[in-house]
Amino acid sequence: MHADSSLTKHENELSRSLRQRVNSAESTQDVQNAFAAFLRDMLSRATGSEVVLDEGDVRVDPKVEDGFILGPGITANKDFAGFLERSDLLPILRRQAIDSVNRINHLGKNTVRAEAKIFQRPDRKF
């Protein structure tokens, strides 16, 4: 099986859902959860088995070049690390992280409005 074509197919099938979840996210945690679910689904489809990610296995980070950081639960796992080297998953994650990074940056600039939605007060106008 050719890894590139297979992963691109999965990316195309999963990216719309990720984009919708990210665009409707009301907190950075929502964005983190959406991106982690995308990675989990990509790995599950690519490996053919259920993948469970622990907190910290992947994190969207606007301050790093790729837009995300993979934790030791993935990088220290021989199976995942080998898979990452042999596949085009990292370029796919870089592409998909762009919207997540942009959403986190947007939420960071609009925290007052986001918090007003979450913690509603009758005397607030937003």
C-alpha atoms as a PDB file:
ATOM      1  CA  MET A   1       0.000   0.000   0.000  1.00  0.00           C
ATOM      2  CA  HIS A   2       1.325   3.427  -0.945  1.00  0.00           C
ATOM      3  CA  ALA A   3       1.256   5.563   2.214  1.00  0.00           C
ATOM      4  CA  ASP A   4       0.965   8.966   0.506  1.00  0.00           C
ATOM      5  CA  SER A   5      -2.192   8.288  -1.457  1.00  0.00           C
ATOM      6  CA  SER A   6      -3.824   6.492   1.448  1.00  0.00           C
ATOM      7  CA  LEU A   7      -3.139   9.296   3.945  1.00  0.00           C
ATOM      8  CA  THR A   8      -4.166  12.044   1.546  1.00  0.00           C
ATOM      9  CA  LYS A   9      -7.467  10.245   1.044  1.00  0.00           C
ATOM     10  CA  HIS A  10      -7.993  10.127   4.814  1.00  0.00           C
ATOM     11  CA  GLU A  11      -6.981  13.787   5.135  1.00  0.00           C
ATOM     12  CA  ASN A  12      -9.577  14.747   2.549  1.00  0.00           C
ATOM     13  CA  GLU A  13     -12.263  12.742   4.355  1.00  0.00           C
ATOM     14  CA  LEU A  14     -11.452  14.159   7.808  1.00  0.00           C
ATOM     15  CA  SER A  15     -10.384  17.740   7.095  1.00  0.00           C
ATOM     16  CA  ARG A  16     -13.894  19.150   6.619  1.00  0.00           C
ATOM     17  CA  SER A  17     -14.969  17.961  10.069  1.00  0.00           C
ATOM     18  CA  LEU A  18     -11.788  19.399  11.608  1.00  0.00           C
ATOM     19  CA  ARG A  19     -12.332  22.743   9.890  1.00  0.00           C
ATOM     20  CA  GLN A  20     -15.947  22.898  11.102  1.00  0.00           C
ATOM     21  CA  ARG A  21     -14.970  22.046  14.689  1.00  0.00           C
ATOM     22  CA  VAL A  22     -12.127  24.568  14.679  1.00  0.00           C
ATOM     23  CA  ASN A  23     -14.217  27.367  13.156  1.00  0.00           C
ATOM     24  CA  SER A  24     -16.978  26.863  15.721  1.00  0.00           C
ATOM     25  CA  ALA A  25     -14.573  26.492  18.668  1.00  0.00           C
ATOM     26  CA  GLU A  26     -15.243  28.941  21.466  1.00  0.00           C
ATOM     27  CA  SER A  27     -12.060  28.240  23.414  1.00  0.00           C
ATOM     28  CA  THR A  28      -8.490  27.225  22.774  1.00  0.00           C
ATOM     29  CA  GLN A  29      -9.281  23.927  24.504  1.00  0.00           C
ATOM     30  CA  ASP A  30     -11.991  23.257  21.892  1.00  0.00           C
ATOM     31  CA  VAL A  31      -9.377  23.829  19.164  1.00  0.00           C
ATOM     32  CA  GLN A  32      -6.894  21.539  20.935  1.00  0.00           C
ATOM     33  CA  ASN A  33      -9.538  18.811  21.250  1.00  0.00           C
ATOM     34  CA  ALA A  34     -10.507  19.096  17.576  1.00  0.00           C
ATOM     35  CA  PHE A  35      -6.898  18.829  16.401  1.00  0.00           C
ATOM     36  CA  ALA A  36      -6.197  15.896  18.735  1.00  0.00           C
ATOM     37  CA  ALA A  37      -9.297  14.111  17.412  1.00  0.00           C
ATOM     38  CA  PHE A  38      -8.083  14.693  13.845  1.00  0.00           C
ATOM     39  CA  LEU A  39      -4.678  13.189  14.671  1.00  0.00           C
ATOM     40  CA  ARG A  40      -6.271  10.253  16.491  1.00  0.00           C
ATOM     41  CA  ASP A  41      -8.588   9.560  13.545  1.00  0.00           C
ATOM     42  CA  MET A  42      -5.730   9.847  11.034  1.00  0.00           C
ATOM     43  CA  LEU A  43      -3.566   7.424  13.026  1.00  0.00           C
ATOM     44  CA  SER A  44      -6.471   5.012  13.534  1.00  0.00           C
ATOM     45  CA  ARG A  45      -7.273   4.949   9.833  1.00  0.00           C
ATOM     46  CA  ALA A  46      -3.634   4.695   8.807  1.00  0.00           C
ATOM     47  CA  THR A  47      -2.765   1.899  11.225  1.00  0.00           C
ATOM     48  CA  GLY A  48      -6.086   0.083  11.003  1.00  0.00           C
ATOM     49  CA  SER A  49      -6.462  -0.050  14.776  1.00  0.00           C
ATOM     50  CA  GLU A  50      -8.000   2.106  17.470  1.00  0.00           C
ATOM     51  CA  VAL A  51      -5.574   4.766  18.710  1.00  0.00           C
ATOM     52  CA  VAL A  52      -5.941   6.363  22.119  1.00  0.00           C
ATOM     53  CA  LEU A  53      -4.148   9.626  22.745  1.00  0.00           C
ATOM     54  CA  ASP A  54      -3.340  10.896  26.205  1.00  0.00           C
ATOM     55  CA  GLU A  55      -3.411  14.547  27.174  1.00  0.00           C
ATOM     56  CA  GLY A  56      -0.190  16.111  25.951  1.00  0.00           C
ATOM     57  CA  ASP A  57       0.318  13.739  23.008  1.00  0.00           C
ATOM     58  CA  VAL A  58      -0.437  16.593  20.629  1.00  0.00           C
ATOM     59  CA  ARG A  59      -0.812  20.301  21.210  1.00  0.00           C
ATOM     60  CA  VAL A  60      -1.475  23.144  18.806  1.00  0.00           C
ATOM     61  CA  ASP A  61       1.089  25.851  19.476  1.00  0.00           C
ATOM     62  CA  PRO A  62       1.118  29.068  17.425  1.00  0.00           C
ATOM     63  CA  LYS A  63       4.673  29.807  18.631  1.00  0.00           C
ATOM     64  CA  VAL A  64       6.300  26.824  16.896  1.00  0.00           C
ATOM     65  CA  GLU A  65       7.063  26.626  13.190  1.00  0.00           C
ATOM     66  CA  ASP A  66       4.874  23.590  12.436  1.00  0.00           C
ATOM     67  CA  GLY A  67       1.964  24.930  14.506  1.00  0.00           C
ATOM     68  CA  PHE A  68       1.822  21.845  16.710  1.00  0.00           C
ATOM     69  CA  ILE A  69       3.930  19.771  19.080  1.00  0.00           C
ATOM     70  CA  LEU A  70       3.817  15.998  19.355  1.00  0.00           C
ATOM     71  CA  GLY A  71       4.380  14.682  22.862  1.00  0.00           C
ATOM     72  CA  PRO A  72       6.323  11.629  24.014  1.00  0.00           C
ATOM     73  CA  GLY A  73       3.221   9.433  23.821  1.00  0.00           C
ATOM     74  CA  ILE A  74       3.701   9.619  20.059  1.00  0.00           C
ATOM     75  CA  THR A  75       7.362  10.456  19.502  1.00  0.00           C
ATOM     76  CA  ALA A  76       8.644   7.875  22.019  1.00  0.00           C
ATOM     77  CA  ASN A  77       6.300   5.161  20.707  1.00  0.00           C
ATOM     78  CA  LYS A  78       8.349   3.014  18.295  1.00  0.00           C
ATOM     79  CA  ASP A  79       5.355   2.175  16.111  1.00  0.00           C
ATOM     80  CA  PHE A  80       4.136   5.758  15.747  1.00  0.00           C
ATOM     81  CA  ALA A  81       7.636   7.222  15.365  1.00  0.00           C
ATOM     82  CA  GLY A  82       8.441   4.771  12.573  1.00  0.00           C
ATOM     83  CA  PHE A  83       5.121   5.459  10.915  1.00  0.00           C
ATOM     84  CA  LEU A  84       5.737   9.217  11.044  1.00  0.00           C
ATOM     85  CA  GLU A  85       9.083   8.734   9.280  1.00  0.00           C
ATOM     86  CA  ARG A  86       7.621   6.530   6.524  1.00  0.00           C
ATOM     87  CA  SER A  87       4.448   8.496   5.792  1.00  0.00           C
ATOM     88  CA  ASP A  88       3.353  11.982   4.810  1.00  0.00           C
ATOM     89  CA  LEU A  89       1.459  12.468   8.076  1.00  0.00           C
ATOM     90  CA  LEU A  90       3.697  15.303   9.311  1.00  0.00           C
ATOM     91  CA  PRO A  91       3.133  17.480   6.196  1.00  0.00           C
ATOM     92  CA  ILE A  92      -0.601  16.750   6.503  1.00  0.00           C
ATOM     93  CA  LEU A  93      -0.578  17.821  10.159  1.00  0.00           C
ATOM     94  CA  ARG A  94       1.326  20.994   9.228  1.00  0.00           C
ATOM     95  CA  ARG A  95      -1.309  21.859   6.614  1.00  0.00           C
ATOM     96  CA  GLN A  96      -4.204  21.114   8.939  1.00  0.00           C
ATOM     97  CA  ALA A  97      -2.649  22.982  11.876  1.00  0.00           C
ATOM     98  CA  ILE A  98      -2.855  26.309  10.002  1.00  0.00           C
ATOM     99  CA  ASP A  99      -6.584  26.789  10.673  1.00  0.00           C
ATOM    100  CA  SER A 100      -6.157  25.678  14.291  1.00  0.00           C
ATOM    101  CA  VAL A 101      -3.314  28.147  14.880  1.00  0.00           C
ATOM    102  CA  ASN A 102      -5.316  30.944  13.261  1.00  0.00           C
ATOM    103  CA  ARG A 103      -8.340  30.147  15.433  1.00  0.00           C
ATOM    104  CA  ILE A 104      -6.255  30.119  18.622  1.00  0.00           C
ATOM    105  CA  ASN A 105      -4.724  33.475  17.648  1.00  0.00           C
ATOM    106  CA  HIS A 106      -8.204  34.844  16.902  1.00  0.00           C
ATOM    107  CA  LEU A 107      -9.576  33.583  20.212  1.00  0.00           C
ATOM    108  CA  GLY A 108      -6.607  35.123  22.015  1.00  0.00           C
ATOM    109  CA  LYS A 109      -7.456  38.512  20.554  1.00  0.00           C
ATOM    110  CA  ASN A 110     -11.134  38.150  21.360  1.00  0.00           C
ATOM    111  CA  THR A 111     -11.085  36.656  24.839  1.00  0.00           C
ATOM    112  CA  VAL A 112     -13.427  39.239  26.352  1.00  0.00           C
ATOM    113  CA  ARG A 113     -16.172  38.404  23.876  1.00  0.00           C
ATOM    114  CA  ALA A 114     -15.587  34.647  24.244  1.00  0.00           C
ATOM    115  CA  GLU A 115     -15.659  34.842  28.029  1.00  0.00           C
ATOM    116  CA  ALA A 116     -18.806  36.945  27.882  1.00  0.00           C
ATOM    117  CA  LYS A 117     -20.517  34.139  25.990  1.00  0.00           C
ATOM    118  CA  ILE A 118     -19.362  31.539  28.490  1.00  0.00           C
ATOM    119  CA  PHE A 119     -19.870  33.606  31.655  1.00  0.00           C
ATOM    120  CA  GLN A 120     -22.955  35.604  30.779  1.00  0.00           C
ATOM    121  CA  ARG A 121     -23.945  38.553  32.920  1.00  0.00           C
ATOM    122  CA  PRO A 122     -27.149  40.531  32.425  1.00  0.00           C
ATOM    123  CA  ASP A 123     -25.298  43.872  32.593  1.00  0.00           C
ATOM    124  CA  ARG A 124     -22.962  43.016  29.661  1.00  0.00           C
ATOM    125  CA  LYS A 125     -23.794  44.083  26.134  1.00  0.00           C
ATOM    126  CA  PHE A 126     -22.041  41.330  24.164  1.00  0.00           C
END
